[in-house]
Protein backbone atom coordinates (compact mmCIF):
# COMPACT_ATOMS: atom_id res chain seq x y z
CA MET A 1 84.64 -19.06 15.94
CA ARG A 2 85.86 -15.91 14.21
CA GLN A 3 85.75 -17.71 10.86
CA PHE A 4 82.00 -18.40 11.21
CA SER A 5 81.35 -14.72 12.12
CA VAL A 6 83.09 -13.53 8.98
CA ILE A 7 81.18 -16.00 6.84
CA GLY A 8 77.88 -14.87 8.41
CA ALA A 9 78.69 -11.23 7.72
CA VAL A 10 79.49 -11.97 4.09
CA VAL A 11 76.18 -13.89 3.63
CA GLY A 12 74.27 -10.98 5.18
CA LEU A 13 75.89 -8.51 2.81
CA LEU A 14 75.05 -10.72 -0.16
CA ILE A 15 71.39 -10.92 0.89
CA ALA A 16 71.20 -7.16 1.37
CA GLY A 17 72.80 -6.60 -2.01
CA VAL A 18 70.34 -8.79 -3.83
CA ALA A 19 67.37 -7.13 -2.15
CA GLY A 20 68.74 -3.68 -2.83
CA ALA A 21 69.29 -4.48 -6.45
CA ALA A 22 65.62 -5.45 -6.74
CA GLY A 23 64.55 -2.21 -5.09
CA VAL A 24 62.69 -4.01 -2.27
CA PRO A 25 63.85 -3.75 1.34
CA PRO A 26 64.16 -7.20 2.96
CA ALA A 27 61.81 -7.94 5.83
CA ALA A 28 63.46 -8.44 9.18
CA GLY A 29 64.23 -12.10 9.83
CA LEU A 30 62.86 -13.19 6.42
CA PRO A 31 64.74 -14.29 3.32
CA PRO A 32 64.44 -11.98 0.32
CA SER A 33 61.87 -14.27 -1.38
CA ALA A 34 59.42 -13.66 1.51
CA ALA A 35 59.79 -9.87 1.60
CA PRO A 36 56.55 -7.92 0.72
CA VAL A 37 56.33 -6.56 -2.80
CA ALA A 38 54.24 -3.45 -3.55
CA PRO A 39 51.43 -4.09 -6.14
CA PRO A 40 51.92 -2.39 -9.48
CA THR A 41 49.93 0.78 -10.20
CA VAL A 42 47.80 0.71 -13.36
CA SER A 43 46.86 4.00 -14.97
CA ILE A 44 44.02 4.06 -17.55
CA PRO A 45 44.19 7.12 -19.78
CA LEU A 46 40.89 8.93 -20.52
CA SER A 47 40.06 10.18 -23.95
CA ASP A 48 39.48 13.88 -24.51
CA ASP A 49 35.77 13.21 -25.20
CA VAL A 50 35.29 11.36 -21.87
CA ARG A 51 37.12 14.10 -19.97
CA ARG A 52 34.96 16.75 -21.62
CA LYS A 53 31.72 14.98 -20.67
CA LEU A 54 32.89 14.51 -17.09
CA ASP A 55 33.82 18.17 -16.84
CA GLU A 56 30.42 19.23 -18.25
CA SER A 57 28.55 17.01 -15.75
CA ALA A 58 30.56 18.38 -12.84
CA ALA A 59 29.87 21.94 -14.02
CA ARG A 60 26.11 21.28 -14.19
CA VAL A 61 26.09 19.87 -10.65
CA ARG A 62 28.00 22.90 -9.33
CA ALA A 63 25.67 25.30 -11.17
CA ALA A 64 22.43 23.63 -10.01
CA ASP A 65 20.41 25.85 -7.69
CA ILE A 66 17.30 24.53 -5.87
CA THR A 67 15.04 27.56 -5.68
CA SER A 68 12.27 28.07 -3.15
CA ALA A 69 9.67 27.61 -5.88
CA MET A 70 11.21 24.29 -6.91
CA HIS A 71 11.23 23.09 -3.31
CA ALA A 72 7.62 24.16 -2.76
CA SER A 73 6.40 22.34 -5.89
CA ALA A 74 8.12 19.13 -4.77
CA VAL A 75 6.39 19.04 -1.37
CA VAL A 76 2.79 17.81 -1.07
CA ARG A 77 1.02 18.56 2.16
CA PHE A 78 -1.84 16.26 3.13
CA ASN A 79 -4.75 17.50 5.18
CA ALA A 80 -5.87 14.66 7.41
CA ALA A 81 -9.27 16.26 7.87
CA ASP A 82 -9.96 15.99 4.13
CA SER A 83 -8.96 12.31 4.03
CA THR A 84 -10.95 11.07 7.02
CA TYR A 85 -14.64 10.42 7.20
CA HIS A 86 -16.10 9.94 10.66
CA LEU A 87 -18.93 7.46 10.72
CA ASN A 88 -21.95 8.25 12.84
CA PRO A 89 -23.37 5.03 14.32
CA GLY A 90 -26.66 6.82 14.84
CA GLY A 91 -27.04 7.14 11.08
CA ALA A 92 -26.03 3.57 10.30
CA VAL A 93 -29.65 2.52 9.67
CA VAL A 94 -31.85 4.69 7.47
CA HIS A 95 -35.53 3.90 6.84
CA SER A 96 -37.26 5.38 3.80
CA ASN A 97 -40.53 4.95 1.94
CA THR A 98 -40.82 4.93 -1.84
CA THR A 99 -44.08 5.02 -3.77
CA VAL A 100 -44.18 2.54 -6.64
CA ALA A 101 -46.91 1.48 -9.06
CA GLU A 102 -47.98 -1.42 -6.86
CA GLY A 103 -47.96 0.61 -3.64
CA THR A 104 -45.28 1.66 -1.20
CA GLN A 105 -41.85 0.13 -0.73
CA GLU A 106 -39.94 0.33 2.52
CA THR A 107 -36.14 0.49 2.34
CA ILE A 108 -33.82 -0.13 5.26
CA ARG A 109 -30.39 1.18 4.31
CA LEU A 110 -27.42 -0.20 6.28
CA VAL A 111 -23.96 1.45 6.14
CA SER A 112 -21.46 -1.25 5.16
CA ASP A 113 -18.59 0.31 7.12
CA LEU A 114 -20.46 -0.48 10.34
CA LEU A 115 -21.37 -3.99 9.19
CA PHE A 116 -18.05 -5.23 7.81
CA ASP A 117 -14.34 -4.68 8.17
CA PHE A 118 -12.52 -3.16 5.19
CA GLY A 119 -12.61 -5.46 2.17
CA SER A 120 -14.39 -8.19 4.15
CA ALA A 121 -17.75 -9.86 3.64
CA ALA A 122 -17.93 -11.26 7.17
CA LEU A 123 -20.34 -9.42 9.44
CA THR A 124 -18.91 -8.05 12.65
CA PRO A 125 -20.28 -9.71 15.83
CA VAL A 126 -22.13 -6.52 16.78
CA ALA A 127 -23.79 -6.27 13.35
CA ALA A 128 -24.83 -9.92 13.42
CA THR A 129 -26.47 -9.33 16.80
CA LYS A 130 -28.33 -6.16 15.76
CA LEU A 131 -29.68 -7.31 12.39
CA PRO A 132 -32.51 -9.48 13.80
CA GLU A 133 -33.72 -6.46 15.78
CA ILE A 134 -33.67 -4.28 12.64
CA VAL A 135 -35.82 -6.66 10.57
CA ALA A 136 -38.18 -7.67 13.38
CA ALA A 137 -40.82 -5.16 12.23
CA ILE A 138 -41.04 -6.45 8.65
CA PRO A 139 -44.54 -7.88 8.12
CA ALA A 140 -44.73 -11.68 8.06
CA GLY A 141 -44.36 -13.48 4.75
CA ARG A 142 -43.08 -10.48 2.81
CA ALA A 143 -40.83 -10.78 -0.25
CA VAL A 144 -37.62 -9.02 0.72
CA ALA A 145 -34.78 -7.93 -1.57
CA VAL A 146 -31.32 -7.71 0.02
CA ASN A 147 -29.14 -5.55 -2.24
CA GLY A 148 -25.44 -4.84 -1.86
CA TYR A 149 -23.62 -1.75 -3.17
CA THR A 150 -20.14 -0.28 -2.93
CA ASP A 151 -18.17 2.78 -4.05
CA SER A 152 -16.14 3.24 -7.23
CA ILE A 153 -12.81 2.12 -5.76
CA GLY A 154 -11.57 -1.17 -7.21
CA THR A 155 -12.47 -3.09 -10.35
CA GLU A 156 -16.04 -3.62 -11.43
CA ALA A 157 -15.71 -7.41 -11.17
CA ALA A 158 -14.26 -7.26 -7.65
CA ASN A 159 -16.97 -4.85 -6.51
CA LEU A 160 -19.73 -7.04 -7.90
CA THR A 161 -18.32 -10.06 -6.07
CA LEU A 162 -17.88 -8.19 -2.79
CA THR A 163 -21.38 -6.69 -2.81
CA GLN A 164 -22.95 -10.07 -3.61
CA GLN A 165 -21.06 -11.67 -0.71
CA ARG A 166 -21.98 -8.88 1.70
CA ALA A 167 -25.65 -8.97 0.73
CA GLN A 168 -25.63 -12.74 1.19
CA ALA A 169 -24.07 -12.41 4.64
CA VAL A 170 -26.88 -10.05 5.68
CA ALA A 171 -29.52 -12.31 4.14
CA ASP A 172 -28.17 -15.35 6.02
CA VAL A 173 -28.64 -13.61 9.36
CA ILE A 174 -32.12 -12.42 8.37
CA ALA A 175 -33.11 -15.94 7.28
CA ALA A 176 -31.95 -17.38 10.59
CA SER A 177 -34.28 -15.09 12.55
CA ARG A 178 -37.11 -14.63 10.01
CA SER A 179 -37.62 -17.87 8.12
CA ASP A 180 -41.03 -16.59 6.99
CA LEU A 181 -39.51 -13.97 4.68
CA GLN A 182 -38.86 -14.68 0.99
CA LEU A 183 -35.36 -13.36 0.35
CA THR A 184 -33.76 -12.35 -2.94
CA VAL A 185 -30.04 -11.48 -2.81
CA THR A 186 -28.26 -9.30 -5.40
CA GLY A 187 -24.90 -7.52 -5.55
CA PHE A 188 -24.86 -4.39 -7.72
CA GLY A 189 -21.22 -3.38 -7.31
CA GLU A 190 -20.69 0.35 -7.77
CA ALA A 191 -24.01 0.89 -9.63
CA ASP A 192 -26.71 3.23 -8.35
CA PRO A 193 -24.64 5.52 -6.09
CA ILE A 194 -26.63 7.67 -3.69
CA ALA A 195 -23.78 10.19 -3.25
CA ALA A 196 -20.89 11.49 -5.34
CA ASN A 197 -17.70 9.41 -5.14
CA THR A 198 -15.73 12.48 -6.26
CA VAL A 199 -16.37 16.20 -6.08
CA GLY A 200 -14.63 18.54 -8.50
CA GLY A 201 -12.26 15.76 -9.53
CA GLU A 202 -11.22 15.16 -5.92
CA ASP A 203 -11.95 12.10 -3.80
CA ASN A 204 -15.07 12.38 -1.63
CA PRO A 205 -14.68 9.99 1.36
CA ALA A 206 -18.06 10.96 2.85
CA GLY A 207 -19.86 10.18 -0.41
CA ARG A 208 -18.02 6.91 -0.92
CA ALA A 209 -18.94 5.82 2.63
CA GLN A 210 -22.63 6.38 1.87
CA ASN A 211 -22.39 4.33 -1.31
CA ARG A 212 -20.94 1.34 0.57
CA ARG A 213 -24.24 -0.04 1.82
CA VAL A 214 -26.68 -2.93 2.00
CA GLU A 215 -30.37 -2.20 1.41
CA ILE A 216 -33.28 -4.30 2.62
CA VAL A 217 -36.33 -3.55 0.44
CA TYR A 218 -39.86 -4.88 0.87
CA ASP A 219 -43.47 -3.88 0.18
CA ALA A 220 -44.94 -1.94 3.08
C-alpha cells in the first residue's frame, strides 16, 4: 500500500513540474492538456502620422464650445397658430354673380376641404347629402360647368388629375338629382387661384384652403 502512495506522489510531482515549466498552472482534477491557456495579446503599433491625427481630433473635441448663439440658431420654434387654418362651415358655399357679354353668370363656389378628405376625390356623406339642396335653385335645363381647382402643393399633373376627379364626383351627385341640367366637367389643377398660396415667401394656409374648391357656374 505504501508503494502505491509513493508512486502516486512521484506522478503528481512530475505533472506539476511539466505544468510549471510551461508557465500554466494545472487546473484542479484535470490533466495538464486540459488546463486553460491565456490567449496571446496582439499589439498593433501606430505610425507617428496616425497618432498625430488622433491627437489633433481629440484636441478639437475638447476645445469645441457650443455657444448660446449656436444653440439658438439650431432650434426652430413652430407656431401652431400660423400653421393651422380653421375652416368655417358657414362660408363653405359662396354665391356670386359675374356679368359677361351674354348676360350674367352665377357661380356657386364650394370649399373642397368640406367636401373631401385630404387627397381624396370621394365626397363625404354629408357633402353628398347637401349638394342636391345647393343646386335645387338652378333654373331647369341650364348648361352648367363644374370646375375643380386646388392649391399649388404637389405636381401639376397630380393636381390636374385630382381636380378633374373631384369635379366629376360633384357632377355625378348633381346629375343624380338634376337630370335636366347639361353638365360640363373640367379640372384646372392649380390654375386661377382666388387667393395667394404664399405671402412674403411664407406658406399661406388660409389662401391655399380658398384655392382648393369646386365651382358650379351657369347662366342666371
